[in-house]
Amino acid sequence: MLMTKERRPAIRTLRGWAISVLQEAGAIRECETHGWMQDRADPHARERAFDIARQDPPEGLSLAMAIAEIEDVLNLVGDTCPECPPDC
């Protein structure tokens, strides 16, 4: 089968789309032990995520709403896993 364009996996929710974009850009990662999302605090990765959202927002969604969802997810994600012990 000939594939001319790589497709992203189907995302069911707007929040899921935003998480997918942020992971693709490298702005967030998942705790390997517990699965919590963690902010990587990388301004370049955040900008890449916003670029992806501007270039390819979900179908039927305004650009402003797509950007707002990316911002909302970033505001919800901390930089540490709440279940991991703090570094001593």
N, C-alpha and C. Protein backbone atom coordinates (compact mmCIF):
# COMPACT_ATOMS: atom_id res chain seq x y z
N MET A 1 0.84 -1.17 0.00
CA MET A 1 0.00 0.00 0.00
C MET A 1 0.89 1.24 0.00
N LEU A 2 0.62 2.17 -0.87
CA LEU A 2 1.41 3.39 -1.00
C LEU A 2 0.82 4.47 -0.10
N MET A 3 1.65 4.98 0.78
CA MET A 3 1.22 6.07 1.68
C MET A 3 1.95 7.33 1.25
N THR A 4 1.22 8.34 0.88
CA THR A 4 1.84 9.57 0.43
C THR A 4 2.03 10.58 1.54
N LYS A 5 1.25 10.45 2.62
CA LYS A 5 1.36 11.39 3.72
C LYS A 5 1.15 10.65 5.02
N GLU A 6 2.08 10.84 5.96
CA GLU A 6 1.94 10.20 7.26
C GLU A 6 0.78 10.85 8.00
N ARG A 7 -0.07 10.03 8.59
CA ARG A 7 -1.23 10.53 9.31
C ARG A 7 -1.02 10.37 10.81
N ARG A 8 -1.51 11.32 11.55
CA ARG A 8 -1.49 11.21 13.01
C ARG A 8 -2.59 10.24 13.43
N PRO A 9 -2.43 9.61 14.58
CA PRO A 9 -3.49 8.72 15.06
C PRO A 9 -4.75 9.52 15.37
N ALA A 10 -5.89 8.87 15.25
CA ALA A 10 -7.17 9.53 15.55
C ALA A 10 -7.22 9.89 17.03
N ILE A 11 -7.59 11.11 17.33
CA ILE A 11 -7.71 11.59 18.70
C ILE A 11 -9.19 11.85 18.96
N ARG A 12 -9.69 11.39 20.08
CA ARG A 12 -11.12 11.49 20.35
C ARG A 12 -11.54 12.78 21.05
N THR A 13 -10.63 13.41 21.79
CA THR A 13 -10.99 14.62 22.52
C THR A 13 -10.02 15.74 22.19
N LEU A 14 -10.46 16.95 22.43
CA LEU A 14 -9.59 18.11 22.23
C LEU A 14 -8.41 18.06 23.19
N ARG A 15 -8.65 17.65 24.43
CA ARG A 15 -7.57 17.52 25.41
C ARG A 15 -6.55 16.48 24.94
N GLY A 16 -7.03 15.37 24.41
CA GLY A 16 -6.14 14.32 23.88
C GLY A 16 -5.31 14.83 22.73
N TRP A 17 -5.93 15.65 21.87
CA TRP A 17 -5.19 16.26 20.75
C TRP A 17 -4.07 17.14 21.27
N ALA A 18 -4.37 17.98 22.26
CA ALA A 18 -3.37 18.90 22.80
C ALA A 18 -2.22 18.13 23.45
N ILE A 19 -2.53 17.08 24.19
CA ILE A 19 -1.48 16.27 24.81
C ILE A 19 -0.61 15.63 23.74
N SER A 20 -1.24 15.13 22.68
CA SER A 20 -0.50 14.51 21.58
C SER A 20 0.45 15.51 20.92
N VAL A 21 -0.02 16.71 20.68
CA VAL A 21 0.81 17.75 20.06
C VAL A 21 1.98 18.11 20.97
N LEU A 22 1.71 18.27 22.26
CA LEU A 22 2.77 18.63 23.20
C LEU A 22 3.81 17.51 23.32
N GLN A 23 3.38 16.26 23.29
CA GLN A 23 4.33 15.15 23.32
C GLN A 23 5.14 15.10 22.04
N GLU A 24 4.48 15.28 20.90
CA GLU A 24 5.17 15.26 19.61
C GLU A 24 6.25 16.34 19.55
N ALA A 25 5.96 17.50 20.12
CA ALA A 25 6.90 18.62 20.10
C ALA A 25 8.00 18.46 21.16
N GLY A 26 7.81 17.55 22.09
CA GLY A 26 8.80 17.36 23.16
C GLY A 26 8.62 18.31 24.32
N ALA A 27 7.46 18.95 24.41
CA ALA A 27 7.22 19.92 25.48
C ALA A 27 6.82 19.23 26.79
N ILE A 28 6.22 18.05 26.70
CA ILE A 28 5.88 17.28 27.89
C ILE A 28 6.36 15.85 27.69
N ARG A 29 6.49 15.15 28.79
CA ARG A 29 6.85 13.73 28.73
C ARG A 29 6.06 13.01 29.81
N GLU A 30 6.12 11.71 29.76
CA GLU A 30 5.39 10.89 30.71
C GLU A 30 6.37 10.31 31.72
N CYS A 31 6.01 10.33 33.01
CA CYS A 31 6.83 9.68 34.02
C CYS A 31 6.89 8.19 33.68
N GLU A 32 8.09 7.66 33.59
CA GLU A 32 8.27 6.26 33.19
C GLU A 32 7.68 5.29 34.21
N THR A 33 7.63 5.68 35.47
CA THR A 33 7.15 4.80 36.52
C THR A 33 5.64 4.89 36.72
N HIS A 34 5.10 6.11 36.73
CA HIS A 34 3.70 6.30 37.11
C HIS A 34 2.79 6.80 35.99
N GLY A 35 3.36 7.30 34.91
CA GLY A 35 2.55 7.74 33.78
C GLY A 35 2.04 9.17 33.84
N TRP A 36 2.38 9.93 34.87
CA TRP A 36 1.96 11.32 34.95
C TRP A 36 2.67 12.15 33.89
N MET A 37 1.96 13.14 33.33
CA MET A 37 2.60 14.06 32.39
C MET A 37 3.49 15.02 33.17
N GLN A 38 4.65 15.34 32.57
CA GLN A 38 5.58 16.28 33.19
C GLN A 38 6.01 17.32 32.16
N ASP A 39 6.01 18.57 32.58
CA ASP A 39 6.45 19.67 31.74
C ASP A 39 7.97 19.62 31.66
N ARG A 40 8.52 19.65 30.46
CA ARG A 40 9.98 19.62 30.30
C ARG A 40 10.60 21.01 30.43
N ALA A 41 9.78 22.06 30.53
CA ALA A 41 10.26 23.44 30.69
C ALA A 41 11.22 23.83 29.56
N ASP A 42 10.93 23.39 28.37
CA ASP A 42 11.75 23.70 27.20
C ASP A 42 10.99 24.71 26.34
N PRO A 43 11.42 25.98 26.34
CA PRO A 43 10.68 27.00 25.59
C PRO A 43 10.64 26.72 24.09
N HIS A 44 11.68 26.10 23.55
CA HIS A 44 11.69 25.79 22.12
C HIS A 44 10.67 24.71 21.79
N ALA A 45 10.54 23.72 22.66
CA ALA A 45 9.56 22.66 22.44
C ALA A 45 8.15 23.22 22.57
N ARG A 46 7.95 24.12 23.51
CA ARG A 46 6.62 24.75 23.64
C ARG A 46 6.28 25.51 22.36
N GLU A 47 7.23 26.24 21.84
CA GLU A 47 6.98 27.01 20.61
C GLU A 47 6.68 26.07 19.44
N ARG A 48 7.39 24.93 19.37
CA ARG A 48 7.09 23.94 18.33
C ARG A 48 5.66 23.45 18.45
N ALA A 49 5.20 23.23 19.68
CA ALA A 49 3.83 22.77 19.90
C ALA A 49 2.83 23.82 19.40
N PHE A 50 3.08 25.08 19.70
CA PHE A 50 2.19 26.13 19.23
C PHE A 50 2.24 26.24 17.70
N ASP A 51 3.40 26.05 17.12
CA ASP A 51 3.52 26.05 15.65
C ASP A 51 2.69 24.93 15.03
N ILE A 52 2.78 23.73 15.61
CA ILE A 52 1.99 22.60 15.11
C ILE A 52 0.51 22.93 15.22
N ALA A 53 0.09 23.50 16.34
CA ALA A 53 -1.32 23.84 16.54
C ALA A 53 -1.78 24.90 15.54
N ARG A 54 -0.92 25.84 15.23
CA ARG A 54 -1.28 26.88 14.25
C ARG A 54 -1.39 26.31 12.83
N GLN A 55 -0.49 25.39 12.50
CA GLN A 55 -0.45 24.85 11.14
C GLN A 55 -1.49 23.76 10.90
N ASP A 56 -1.85 23.03 11.95
CA ASP A 56 -2.75 21.89 11.76
C ASP A 56 -3.72 21.75 12.94
N PRO A 57 -4.61 22.74 13.14
CA PRO A 57 -5.58 22.62 14.24
C PRO A 57 -6.59 21.52 13.92
N PRO A 58 -7.25 20.99 14.94
CA PRO A 58 -8.28 19.97 14.68
C PRO A 58 -9.38 20.51 13.76
N GLU A 59 -9.90 19.63 12.94
CA GLU A 59 -10.94 20.03 11.99
C GLU A 59 -12.15 20.59 12.73
N GLY A 60 -12.64 21.72 12.26
CA GLY A 60 -13.82 22.35 12.83
C GLY A 60 -13.54 23.21 14.06
N LEU A 61 -12.29 23.38 14.39
CA LEU A 61 -11.93 24.16 15.57
C LEU A 61 -11.17 25.41 15.14
N SER A 62 -11.49 26.53 15.76
CA SER A 62 -10.79 27.76 15.41
C SER A 62 -9.35 27.69 15.91
N LEU A 63 -8.52 28.48 15.29
CA LEU A 63 -7.11 28.55 15.68
C LEU A 63 -6.98 29.02 17.13
N ALA A 64 -7.79 30.00 17.52
CA ALA A 64 -7.73 30.51 18.89
C ALA A 64 -8.09 29.43 19.91
N MET A 65 -9.07 28.61 19.59
CA MET A 65 -9.47 27.54 20.51
C MET A 65 -8.39 26.45 20.60
N ALA A 66 -7.72 26.17 19.49
CA ALA A 66 -6.64 25.18 19.50
C ALA A 66 -5.48 25.67 20.36
N ILE A 67 -5.10 26.92 20.19
CA ILE A 67 -4.01 27.50 20.99
C ILE A 67 -4.40 27.53 22.47
N ALA A 68 -5.65 27.88 22.76
CA ALA A 68 -6.11 27.94 24.15
C ALA A 68 -6.04 26.56 24.80
N GLU A 69 -6.35 25.51 24.07
CA GLU A 69 -6.29 24.16 24.65
C GLU A 69 -4.85 23.75 24.94
N ILE A 70 -3.92 24.11 24.05
CA ILE A 70 -2.50 23.84 24.32
C ILE A 70 -2.09 24.56 25.60
N GLU A 71 -2.48 25.83 25.74
CA GLU A 71 -2.14 26.60 26.94
C GLU A 71 -2.76 25.98 28.19
N ASP A 72 -4.03 25.53 28.09
CA ASP A 72 -4.70 24.91 29.24
C ASP A 72 -3.96 23.66 29.71
N VAL A 73 -3.57 22.82 28.78
CA VAL A 73 -2.86 21.60 29.16
C VAL A 73 -1.52 21.95 29.80
N LEU A 74 -0.80 22.91 29.24
CA LEU A 74 0.48 23.31 29.83
C LEU A 74 0.29 23.83 31.26
N ASN A 75 -0.82 24.52 31.50
CA ASN A 75 -1.09 25.05 32.84
C ASN A 75 -1.43 23.95 33.84
N LEU A 76 -1.89 22.80 33.35
CA LEU A 76 -2.26 21.70 34.23
C LEU A 76 -1.10 20.77 34.57
N VAL A 77 -0.05 20.82 33.79
CA VAL A 77 1.05 19.87 33.92
C VAL A 77 2.16 20.47 34.78
N GLY A 78 2.60 19.71 35.77
CA GLY A 78 3.71 20.14 36.61
C GLY A 78 5.02 19.63 36.08
N ASP A 79 6.11 20.03 36.71
CA ASP A 79 7.42 19.58 36.25
C ASP A 79 7.93 18.35 37.00
N THR A 80 7.17 17.88 37.99
CA THR A 80 7.54 16.67 38.71
C THR A 80 6.35 15.72 38.78
N CYS A 81 6.63 14.47 38.99
CA CYS A 81 5.59 13.46 39.16
C CYS A 81 5.15 13.50 40.62
N PRO A 82 3.86 13.60 40.89
CA PRO A 82 3.41 13.67 42.29
C PRO A 82 3.63 12.36 43.07
N GLU A 83 3.88 11.25 42.36
CA GLU A 83 4.06 9.98 43.05
C GLU A 83 5.54 9.61 43.26
N CYS A 84 6.43 10.27 42.55
CA CYS A 84 7.86 9.96 42.70
C CYS A 84 8.40 10.66 43.94
N PRO A 85 9.32 10.01 44.68
CA PRO A 85 9.91 10.68 45.85
C PRO A 85 10.79 11.84 45.39
N PRO A 86 10.83 12.91 46.19
CA PRO A 86 11.69 14.05 45.82
C PRO A 86 13.16 13.66 45.86
N ASP A 87 13.93 14.29 45.00
CA ASP A 87 15.38 14.05 44.99
C ASP A 87 15.99 14.61 46.26
N CYS A 88 16.86 13.85 46.84
CA CYS A 88 17.52 14.29 48.09
C CYS A 88 18.88 14.86 47.82
